[in-house]
Amino acid sequence: MPWRRGTRKCAKTHPRRMWPVTFKAEYIWIDGTEPTAKLRSKTKILADSGKAAEAAELPIWGFDGSSTNQAEGHSSDCVLKPVFVCPDPIRGGDDVLVLCEVLNTDMTPHSSNTRAALAEVAERFAAQEPVFGIEQEYTFFDGSRPLGFPEGGFPAPQGGYYCGVGADEIFGREIVEAHLENCLKAGLGISGINAEVMPGQWEFQVGPLAALEVADQLWVARWLLYRTAEDFGVSATLDPKPVKGDWNGAGAHTNFSTKAMREGYDAIITACEALGEGSKPLDHVKNYGAGIDDRLTGLHETAPWNEYSYGVSNRGASVRIPWQVEKDGKGYIEDRRPNANVDPYVVTRLIVDTCCTALEKAGQV
């Protein structure tokens, strides 16, 4: 344990003893809850804040996997391996947030660890320079009802809430602003926020970033969302259809491009065609978040979950090509199918694997 001259000391009990410089590290991980994993975290006190800049320099840690749906009670130890570290905007000072992947005690990836599979695919296609931007929608709840919904009833129909302003249409803005500030202080790649179509429903965007980076940072941004809302006595949910009936669901529209797509339109079409080829539509949709058939109904700016389509400026298609992309002859595509509760490690892996394989086969790299 490192000790520093001039650091704090206890004058009453040890007037000459120098105490170690310590900081709090909040270890965050994804558990094994099915069908939708939950975030967990706990605090570790570490010495010497000068070593907190890199995840590789932080120690591994253990936890009881039998309490997180990741182990049986007779052999419950699991391992937390730091993979991403950033400043802790809530505690401040030298304290940090530490995103971890879960390993078995033999240091192999745990069965719930979806990050490991993405890392392999991202490395295989790194030369194509795949980049993502993910639009994370979510809904605030005050107890059992969405924030802004009156007790025992419904608000005015959706329409004026999207990107709205005013206390009659906007609910939870103070939480949203606090979350945005926390994400920026943490150094996350947040690129925007907006109010969504339903009262109490919002969105933030992460990216553009490489696959591993966007997924890591989205998980940390989600943790900060829950933790920030907690201070306001409000919960945030990624439920893809938080209110049944004539209300928009919550998605995680996933924007994607490669170097070839950013340079030419033919590669854009190749990627769109690849996502609709053979069993690919179903292979993707069944891994795009639990409850996807409740959200992808063909209504409320969605395509039916069991039909694949793509089109320019079409928010009713499975995959949208922005109008500016067609005009410029290059750019990116938006997969509109992923649910708000999608695992970003899974959705980025599937898109990279499907699209980059097709682009490689077509010689568009």
Protein backbone atom coordinates (compact mmCIF):
# COMPACT_ATOMS: atom_id res chain seq x y z
CA MET A 1 0.00 0.00 0.00
CA PRO A 2 1.55 3.34 -1.01
CA TRP A 3 1.98 6.03 1.60
CA ARG A 4 2.48 9.74 0.98
CA ARG A 5 4.18 12.29 3.12
CA GLY A 6 1.91 15.27 3.70
CA THR A 7 -1.35 13.37 3.41
CA ARG A 8 -4.03 13.32 6.04
CA LYS A 9 -3.32 12.14 9.61
CA CYS A 10 -5.19 11.59 12.84
CA ALA A 11 -3.69 13.99 15.39
CA LYS A 12 -5.44 12.43 18.38
CA THR A 13 -4.36 8.80 17.96
CA HIS A 14 -1.34 8.85 15.67
CA PRO A 15 0.16 12.36 15.61
CA ARG A 16 3.18 11.30 13.50
CA ARG A 17 1.67 8.60 11.31
CA MET A 18 0.86 9.45 7.69
CA TRP A 19 -2.32 7.86 6.32
CA PRO A 20 -2.75 6.55 2.76
CA VAL A 21 -4.47 8.61 0.10
CA THR A 22 -7.68 6.75 -0.69
CA PHE A 23 -10.51 7.03 -3.20
CA LYS A 24 -13.82 5.29 -3.82
CA ALA A 25 -14.25 3.09 -6.88
CA GLU A 26 -17.82 2.11 -7.74
CA TYR A 27 -17.52 -1.29 -9.45
CA ILE A 28 -20.45 -1.71 -11.89
CA TRP A 29 -21.42 -4.90 -13.67
CA ILE A 30 -24.23 -6.53 -15.66
CA ASP A 31 -25.92 -9.41 -13.86
CA GLY A 32 -27.50 -12.66 -15.10
CA THR A 33 -31.17 -11.75 -14.73
CA GLU A 34 -33.29 -13.01 -17.64
CA PRO A 35 -34.80 -12.05 -19.98
CA THR A 36 -33.34 -8.59 -19.30
CA ALA A 37 -30.12 -8.17 -17.34
CA LYS A 38 -29.87 -5.64 -14.52
CA LEU A 39 -27.03 -3.37 -13.42
CA ARG A 40 -25.34 -4.00 -10.08
CA SER A 41 -22.63 -2.05 -8.26
CA LYS A 42 -20.66 -1.90 -5.05
CA THR A 43 -17.94 0.33 -3.65
CA LYS A 44 -14.27 -0.52 -3.18
CA ILE A 45 -11.89 1.75 -1.26
CA LEU A 46 -8.52 1.93 -3.00
CA ALA A 47 -5.26 3.68 -2.26
CA ASP A 48 -3.38 6.12 -4.51
CA SER A 49 -5.71 7.98 -6.87
CA GLY A 50 -2.82 8.38 -9.29
CA LYS A 51 -3.44 4.82 -10.45
CA ALA A 52 -7.12 5.27 -11.24
CA ALA A 53 -6.71 6.52 -14.81
CA GLU A 54 -6.64 3.12 -16.56
CA ALA A 55 -8.93 0.13 -16.09
CA ALA A 56 -5.99 -2.26 -16.43
CA GLU A 57 -4.37 -0.71 -13.36
CA LEU A 58 -7.38 -1.35 -11.14
CA PRO A 59 -7.63 -4.66 -9.25
CA ILE A 60 -10.05 -7.45 -10.02
CA TRP A 61 -12.68 -8.05 -7.35
CA GLY A 62 -15.18 -10.73 -6.42
CA PHE A 63 -18.89 -10.94 -5.67
CA ASP A 64 -21.60 -13.43 -4.73
CA GLY A 65 -22.98 -14.65 -8.03
CA SER A 66 -25.74 -16.61 -6.31
CA SER A 67 -27.40 -13.28 -5.47
CA THR A 68 -27.21 -11.96 -9.06
CA ASN A 69 -28.42 -15.00 -11.03
CA GLN A 70 -24.86 -15.80 -12.05
CA ALA A 71 -23.93 -18.77 -9.84
CA GLU A 72 -25.24 -21.53 -7.57
CA GLY A 73 -24.90 -21.19 -3.83
CA HIS A 74 -22.47 -24.10 -3.52
CA SER A 75 -19.98 -22.35 -5.84
CA SER A 76 -20.97 -18.71 -5.84
CA ASP A 77 -17.76 -16.74 -6.43
CA CYS A 78 -17.56 -14.64 -9.60
CA VAL A 79 -14.86 -12.20 -10.68
CA LEU A 80 -15.14 -8.53 -11.68
CA LYS A 81 -12.53 -7.41 -14.22
CA PRO A 82 -12.38 -3.62 -14.84
CA VAL A 83 -12.74 -2.70 -18.53
CA PHE A 84 -13.72 0.98 -18.44
CA VAL A 85 -13.11 3.71 -15.87
CA CYS A 86 -14.29 7.31 -15.69
CA PRO A 87 -14.68 10.06 -13.07
CA ASP A 88 -17.57 9.59 -10.64
CA PRO A 89 -19.65 12.76 -11.11
CA ILE A 90 -21.87 12.01 -8.13
CA ARG A 91 -19.21 11.56 -5.48
CA GLY A 92 -16.70 13.86 -7.17
CA GLY A 93 -13.07 14.33 -6.20
CA ASP A 94 -10.78 11.45 -7.18
CA ASP A 95 -13.60 8.90 -7.02
CA VAL A 96 -14.31 6.81 -10.12
CA LEU A 97 -16.89 4.61 -11.80
CA VAL A 98 -15.50 1.26 -12.91
CA LEU A 99 -17.41 -0.81 -15.45
CA CYS A 100 -16.45 -4.48 -15.21
CA GLU A 101 -17.01 -7.64 -17.17
CA VAL A 102 -17.83 -10.81 -15.27
CA LEU A 103 -15.41 -13.75 -15.31
CA ASN A 104 -15.40 -17.22 -13.83
CA THR A 105 -12.77 -17.93 -11.20
CA ASP A 106 -10.57 -19.51 -13.91
CA MET A 107 -10.59 -16.08 -15.63
CA THR A 108 -12.69 -17.23 -18.58
CA PRO A 109 -15.74 -15.14 -19.58
CA HIS A 110 -18.86 -15.92 -17.57
CA SER A 111 -21.84 -17.20 -19.57
CA SER A 112 -23.61 -13.86 -18.88
CA ASN A 113 -20.65 -11.89 -20.25
CA THR A 114 -21.77 -10.64 -23.67
CA ARG A 115 -18.90 -8.17 -23.93
CA ALA A 116 -16.33 -10.89 -24.64
CA ALA A 117 -18.09 -12.02 -27.83
CA LEU A 118 -18.32 -8.43 -29.07
CA ALA A 119 -14.61 -7.89 -28.44
CA GLU A 120 -13.77 -10.81 -30.75
CA VAL A 121 -16.02 -9.56 -33.58
CA ALA A 122 -14.86 -5.95 -33.20
CA GLU A 123 -11.24 -7.05 -33.47
CA ARG A 124 -11.93 -9.21 -36.53
CA PHE A 125 -13.48 -6.30 -38.45
CA ALA A 126 -11.46 -3.44 -36.97
CA ALA A 127 -9.99 -2.55 -40.37
CA GLN A 128 -13.47 -1.58 -41.62
CA GLU A 129 -13.69 1.02 -38.81
CA PRO A 130 -17.29 0.35 -37.70
CA VAL A 131 -18.84 3.22 -35.72
CA PHE A 132 -22.10 3.44 -33.77
CA GLY A 133 -24.44 6.01 -32.29
CA ILE A 134 -27.21 4.67 -30.05
CA GLU A 135 -30.38 6.60 -29.17
CA GLN A 136 -31.44 5.44 -25.70
CA GLU A 137 -35.11 6.04 -24.94
CA TYR A 138 -36.45 5.57 -21.41
CA THR A 139 -39.46 6.41 -19.26
CA PHE A 140 -39.63 7.92 -15.77
CA PHE A 141 -42.06 6.36 -13.32
CA ASP A 142 -43.46 7.90 -10.16
CA GLY A 143 -44.49 4.79 -8.28
CA SER A 144 -46.65 2.68 -10.58
CA ARG A 145 -47.46 5.34 -13.20
CA PRO A 146 -45.37 7.21 -15.76
CA LEU A 147 -44.26 10.64 -14.60
CA GLY A 148 -46.85 13.14 -15.81
CA PHE A 149 -49.74 10.67 -15.92
CA PRO A 150 -52.63 11.71 -13.64
CA GLU A 151 -53.73 9.29 -10.93
CA GLY A 152 -56.39 6.92 -12.21
CA GLY A 153 -56.40 8.24 -15.76
CA PHE A 154 -54.48 9.32 -18.83
CA PRO A 155 -53.05 12.62 -20.05
CA ALA A 156 -53.89 14.25 -23.36
CA PRO A 157 -53.02 12.09 -26.39
CA GLN A 158 -49.42 12.05 -27.52
CA GLY A 159 -48.35 14.69 -29.98
CA GLY A 160 -47.25 17.83 -28.17
CA TYR A 161 -44.85 16.14 -25.77
CA TYR A 162 -42.12 15.37 -28.31
CA CYS A 163 -39.35 17.97 -27.90
CA GLY A 164 -41.92 20.04 -26.04
CA VAL A 165 -41.59 22.84 -23.52
CA GLY A 166 -43.79 23.90 -20.61
CA ALA A 167 -44.95 22.32 -17.36
CA ASP A 168 -48.13 21.05 -19.00
CA GLU A 169 -46.19 18.89 -21.45
CA ILE A 170 -42.76 18.21 -19.96
CA PHE A 171 -42.14 16.07 -16.89
CA GLY A 172 -38.78 15.25 -15.32
CA ARG A 173 -36.61 17.82 -17.06
CA GLU A 174 -34.67 18.56 -13.86
CA ILE A 175 -33.68 14.88 -13.67
CA VAL A 176 -32.74 14.81 -17.35
CA GLU A 177 -30.52 17.89 -16.99
CA ALA A 178 -28.85 16.43 -13.89
CA HIS A 179 -28.23 13.15 -15.75
CA LEU A 180 -26.79 14.97 -18.75
CA GLU A 181 -24.46 16.98 -16.51
CA ASN A 182 -23.35 13.80 -14.74
CA CYS A 183 -22.60 12.06 -18.04
CA LEU A 184 -20.57 15.04 -19.29
CA LYS A 185 -18.61 15.24 -16.02
CA ALA A 186 -17.89 11.52 -16.38
CA GLY A 187 -16.45 12.18 -19.85
CA LEU A 188 -18.98 10.00 -21.65
CA GLY A 189 -19.64 10.52 -25.35
CA ILE A 190 -23.15 11.92 -24.93
CA SER A 191 -24.20 13.74 -28.10
CA GLY A 192 -27.70 14.97 -27.21
CA ILE A 193 -30.99 14.67 -25.31
CA ASN A 194 -34.66 15.28 -26.11
CA ALA A 195 -38.15 14.75 -24.74
CA GLU A 196 -39.98 11.90 -26.43
CA VAL A 197 -43.52 11.28 -27.67
CA MET A 198 -45.08 10.12 -24.39
CA PRO A 199 -45.19 12.15 -21.14
CA GLY A 200 -42.28 11.27 -18.87
CA GLN A 201 -40.43 9.67 -21.78
CA TRP A 202 -36.98 10.93 -22.80
CA GLU A 203 -33.96 10.04 -24.89
CA PHE A 204 -30.21 10.52 -24.76
CA GLN A 205 -27.72 9.64 -27.47
CA VAL A 206 -24.28 8.06 -27.09
CA GLY A 207 -21.71 8.18 -29.90
CA PRO A 208 -20.45 8.17 -32.54
CA LEU A 209 -18.00 5.69 -31.07
CA ALA A 210 -16.49 2.31 -31.89
CA ALA A 211 -18.52 -0.76 -30.91
CA LEU A 212 -16.88 -1.56 -27.57
CA GLU A 213 -16.71 2.09 -26.58
CA VAL A 214 -20.34 2.87 -27.35
CA ALA A 215 -21.56 -0.24 -25.51
CA ASP A 216 -19.38 0.36 -22.45
CA GLN A 217 -20.40 4.00 -22.24
CA LEU A 218 -24.09 3.26 -22.76
CA TRP A 219 -24.06 0.86 -19.81
CA VAL A 220 -22.39 3.49 -17.61
CA ALA A 221 -24.84 6.16 -18.83
CA ARG A 222 -27.71 3.83 -17.91
CA TRP A 223 -26.25 3.35 -14.42
CA LEU A 224 -25.96 7.11 -14.04
CA LEU A 225 -29.56 7.50 -15.20
CA TYR A 226 -30.84 5.15 -12.51
CA ARG A 227 -28.57 6.63 -9.86
CA THR A 228 -29.47 10.24 -10.73
CA ALA A 229 -33.22 9.54 -10.77
CA GLU A 230 -32.84 7.78 -7.42
CA ASP A 231 -31.91 11.13 -5.80
CA PHE A 232 -35.22 12.56 -7.05
CA GLY A 233 -37.29 9.64 -5.75
CA VAL A 234 -38.14 8.63 -9.32
CA SER A 235 -37.37 5.40 -11.18
CA ALA A 236 -36.30 5.09 -14.81
CA THR A 237 -37.31 2.10 -16.90
CA LEU A 238 -36.21 0.71 -20.26
CA ASP A 239 -39.49 -1.16 -20.69
CA PRO A 240 -40.11 -1.24 -24.46
CA LYS A 241 -43.87 -0.73 -24.03
CA PRO A 242 -44.33 1.00 -20.67
CA VAL A 243 -47.99 1.91 -21.40
CA LYS A 244 -50.19 -0.36 -23.47
CA GLY A 245 -52.46 1.06 -26.13
CA ASP A 246 -52.03 4.12 -28.35
CA TRP A 247 -48.69 5.22 -26.92
CA ASN A 248 -45.21 4.99 -28.41
CA GLY A 249 -42.89 2.34 -27.08
CA ALA A 250 -39.27 2.92 -26.09
CA GLY A 251 -36.44 1.92 -28.39
CA ALA A 252 -32.70 2.14 -28.78
CA HIS A 253 -32.35 3.13 -32.44
CA THR A 254 -28.88 2.05 -33.49
CA ASN A 255 -26.99 4.11 -36.07
CA PHE A 256 -24.14 2.35 -37.87
CA SER A 257 -21.50 2.96 -40.50
CA THR A 258 -18.18 1.66 -41.73
CA LYS A 259 -15.41 3.47 -43.55
CA ALA A 260 -16.82 2.26 -46.89
CA MET A 261 -20.34 3.42 -45.97
CA ARG A 262 -19.02 6.82 -44.98
CA GLU A 263 -17.41 7.07 -48.42
CA GLY A 264 -20.02 5.63 -50.80
CA TYR A 265 -23.71 4.79 -51.24
CA ASP A 266 -23.23 1.29 -52.67
CA ALA A 267 -21.91 0.14 -49.31
CA ILE A 268 -25.01 1.62 -47.63
CA ILE A 269 -27.25 -0.57 -49.81
CA THR A 270 -25.06 -3.63 -49.22
CA ALA A 271 -25.44 -3.21 -45.45
CA CYS A 272 -29.22 -2.75 -45.71
CA GLU A 273 -29.59 -5.82 -47.93
CA ALA A 274 -27.40 -7.90 -45.62
CA LEU A 275 -29.63 -7.17 -42.62
CA GLY A 276 -32.61 -8.53 -44.56
CA GLU A 277 -30.97 -11.61 -46.03
CA GLY A 278 -32.20 -15.12 -45.16
CA SER A 279 -32.66 -15.70 -41.44
CA LYS A 280 -30.88 -12.48 -40.47
CA PRO A 281 -34.03 -10.43 -39.67
CA LEU A 282 -35.24 -12.98 -37.12
CA ASP A 283 -31.70 -13.66 -35.84
CA HIS A 284 -31.40 -9.98 -35.00
CA VAL A 285 -34.91 -9.25 -33.75
CA LYS A 286 -34.94 -12.13 -31.25
CA ASN A 287 -31.80 -10.62 -29.70
CA TYR A 288 -32.94 -6.99 -29.79
CA GLY A 289 -34.57 -6.99 -26.34
CA ALA A 290 -37.33 -8.82 -24.48
CA GLY A 291 -40.89 -7.82 -25.38
CA ILE A 292 -40.01 -6.67 -28.87
CA ASP A 293 -43.27 -7.98 -30.37
CA ASP A 294 -45.19 -5.62 -28.05
CA ARG A 295 -43.33 -2.65 -29.51
CA LEU A 296 -42.70 -3.58 -33.15
CA THR A 297 -46.33 -3.73 -34.23
CA GLY A 298 -46.18 -1.70 -37.45
CA LEU A 299 -47.69 1.27 -35.60
CA HIS A 300 -46.11 4.17 -33.67
CA GLU A 301 -43.17 4.60 -36.06
CA THR A 302 -42.19 0.92 -36.13
CA ALA A 303 -42.12 -1.87 -38.69
CA PRO A 304 -43.72 -5.22 -37.76
CA TRP A 305 -41.25 -7.41 -35.87
CA ASN A 306 -41.61 -10.27 -38.38
CA GLU A 307 -41.20 -8.20 -41.56
CA TYR A 308 -37.97 -6.62 -42.77
CA SER A 309 -37.81 -3.43 -44.82
CA TYR A 310 -35.55 -0.48 -45.45
CA GLY A 311 -36.11 2.88 -47.02
CA VAL A 312 -34.99 6.48 -47.29
CA SER A 313 -36.40 8.77 -44.59
CA ASN A 314 -38.86 6.04 -43.58
CA ARG A 315 -39.43 5.74 -39.84
CA GLY A 316 -41.91 2.96 -40.47
CA ALA A 317 -39.17 0.77 -41.93
CA SER A 318 -36.94 -1.67 -40.05
CA VAL A 319 -33.87 0.23 -41.24
CA ARG A 320 -33.93 3.89 -42.22
CA ILE A 321 -31.52 5.59 -44.60
CA PRO A 322 -31.54 9.28 -43.62
CA TRP A 323 -32.48 11.60 -46.50
CA GLN A 324 -29.19 13.44 -46.16
CA VAL A 325 -27.32 10.17 -46.70
CA GLU A 326 -29.11 9.56 -50.00
CA LYS A 327 -28.49 13.17 -51.00
CA ASP A 328 -24.78 13.03 -50.12
CA GLY A 329 -24.30 9.51 -51.47
CA LYS A 330 -22.62 8.34 -48.28
CA GLY A 331 -23.11 8.19 -44.51
CA TYR A 332 -24.85 5.74 -42.17
CA ILE A 333 -27.98 3.69 -41.57
CA GLU A 334 -30.36 3.52 -38.60
CA ASP A 335 -31.62 0.16 -37.37
CA ARG A 336 -34.90 1.16 -35.71
CA ARG A 337 -35.76 -2.27 -34.33
CA PRO A 338 -33.72 -2.55 -31.09
CA ASN A 339 -35.71 -2.15 -27.89
CA ALA A 340 -34.77 0.31 -25.16
CA ASN A 341 -33.81 -2.72 -23.05
CA VAL A 342 -31.44 -4.19 -25.65
CA ASP A 343 -27.97 -5.28 -24.58
CA PRO A 344 -25.64 -2.89 -26.47
CA TYR A 345 -22.90 -5.53 -26.56
CA VAL A 346 -25.28 -7.85 -28.43
CA VAL A 347 -26.81 -5.37 -30.89
CA THR A 348 -23.42 -3.95 -31.93
CA ARG A 349 -21.95 -7.45 -32.32
CA LEU A 350 -24.80 -8.62 -34.53
CA ILE A 351 -24.73 -5.54 -36.77
CA VAL A 352 -20.95 -5.58 -37.17
CA ASP A 353 -20.90 -9.31 -37.91
CA THR A 354 -23.76 -9.19 -40.44
CA CYS A 355 -22.87 -5.97 -42.25
CA CYS A 356 -19.09 -6.21 -42.21
CA THR A 357 -19.16 -9.81 -43.43
CA ALA A 358 -21.33 -8.74 -46.38
CA LEU A 359 -19.19 -5.68 -47.11
CA GLU A 360 -16.04 -7.81 -47.01
CA LYS A 361 -17.60 -10.33 -49.39
CA ALA A 362 -18.58 -7.50 -51.75
CA GLY A 363 -15.10 -6.01 -51.62
CA GLN A 364 -16.45 -2.81 -50.11
CA VAL A 365 -13.94 -2.30 -47.34
